[in-house]
């Protein structure tokens, strides 16, 4: 039967996160069924948070969007749009 390929099998599950402060890049596995809201850069120790409008750090700072966004599913971070801009920015 054609067209029966599971959409999950087409997802990219790892991505290169790049710190916008120091430029350090590291390949990381992405969670398949959740969003990652925080990520500490192992080089400069900056705590990254999603940019306003993005659901997770992978959507903001990596080479590939998170699996829920790739699959065009509702993402768990939809509520981030309600966070005041001064609280949603990178520290």
Protein backbone atom coordinates (compact mmCIF):
# COMPACT_ATOMS: atom_id res chain seq x y z
CA UNK A 1 0.00 0.00 0.00
CA UNK A 2 1.46 3.39 -0.95
CA UNK A 3 1.20 6.50 1.15
CA UNK A 4 1.17 4.51 4.36
CA UNK A 5 4.50 5.85 5.58
CA UNK A 6 4.30 7.08 9.15
CA UNK A 7 4.91 10.85 9.20
CA UNK A 8 7.03 10.35 12.31
CA UNK A 9 9.61 8.41 10.28
CA UNK A 10 10.19 11.46 8.10
CA UNK A 11 10.97 13.71 11.07
CA UNK A 12 14.49 14.91 11.76
CA UNK A 13 15.18 14.14 15.40
CA UNK A 14 18.51 15.84 15.96
CA UNK A 15 19.62 19.39 15.34
CA UNK A 16 22.58 21.68 15.86
CA UNK A 17 21.84 24.29 18.51
CA UNK A 18 23.95 27.45 18.17
CA UNK A 19 24.31 29.90 21.04
CA UNK A 20 23.58 33.44 19.81
CA UNK A 21 25.92 34.87 22.46
CA UNK A 22 29.15 32.95 21.91
CA UNK A 23 28.50 30.99 18.71
CA UNK A 24 29.11 27.59 20.32
CA UNK A 25 27.28 24.87 18.38
CA UNK A 26 26.35 21.40 19.56
CA UNK A 27 24.32 18.58 18.04
CA UNK A 28 21.41 17.65 20.32
CA UNK A 29 18.57 15.14 20.19
CA UNK A 30 15.17 16.82 20.14
CA UNK A 31 12.23 15.58 22.19
CA UNK A 32 9.58 14.07 19.93
CA UNK A 33 6.51 14.83 22.02
CA UNK A 34 7.49 17.94 23.96
CA UNK A 35 9.08 21.34 23.58
CA UNK A 36 12.34 22.31 25.26
CA UNK A 37 11.92 25.77 26.76
CA UNK A 38 15.39 26.17 28.28
CA UNK A 39 18.88 25.23 27.18
CA UNK A 40 22.13 26.13 28.90
CA UNK A 41 25.06 26.73 26.55
CA UNK A 42 27.85 24.45 27.72
CA UNK A 43 30.44 27.02 26.62
CA UNK A 44 29.28 30.38 28.03
CA UNK A 45 26.58 29.06 30.41
CA UNK A 46 23.94 31.43 29.00
CA UNK A 47 20.42 30.12 29.57
CA UNK A 48 18.62 30.23 26.24
CA UNK A 49 14.86 30.64 26.04
CA UNK A 50 12.66 30.64 22.94
CA UNK A 51 12.34 33.92 21.09
CA UNK A 52 8.86 35.48 21.11
CA UNK A 53 6.64 33.56 18.71
CA UNK A 54 8.73 30.37 18.83
CA UNK A 55 7.64 27.34 20.84
CA UNK A 56 11.08 26.13 21.94
CA UNK A 57 14.84 26.69 21.82
CA UNK A 58 15.15 24.41 18.79
CA UNK A 59 12.76 26.59 16.78
CA UNK A 60 14.74 29.68 17.79
CA UNK A 61 18.40 28.61 17.71
CA UNK A 62 18.88 25.35 15.83
CA UNK A 63 19.37 24.09 12.32
CA UNK A 64 16.03 22.23 12.33
CA UNK A 65 12.65 23.10 13.84
CA UNK A 66 11.30 20.82 16.59
CA UNK A 67 9.45 17.60 15.65
CA UNK A 68 5.94 18.90 16.52
CA UNK A 69 6.49 21.89 14.20
CA UNK A 70 7.98 19.64 11.49
CA UNK A 71 4.87 17.45 11.72
CA UNK A 72 2.64 20.55 11.59
CA UNK A 73 1.00 19.59 14.86
CA UNK A 74 -0.05 22.00 17.54
CA UNK A 75 3.01 22.62 19.60
CA UNK A 76 3.05 22.57 23.39
CA UNK A 77 4.61 26.05 23.47
CA UNK A 78 1.66 27.89 21.93
CA UNK A 79 1.21 29.73 25.25
CA UNK A 80 4.58 31.45 24.83
CA UNK A 81 2.86 34.08 22.73
CA UNK A 82 1.15 35.25 25.91
CA UNK A 83 4.39 35.79 27.83
CA UNK A 84 5.37 39.48 27.96
CA UNK A 85 8.20 40.20 25.52
CA UNK A 86 10.60 41.32 28.27
CA UNK A 87 10.27 37.90 29.94
CA UNK A 88 10.54 35.82 26.76
CA UNK A 89 13.86 37.20 25.58
CA UNK A 90 17.24 35.57 26.00
CA UNK A 91 18.96 36.43 29.23
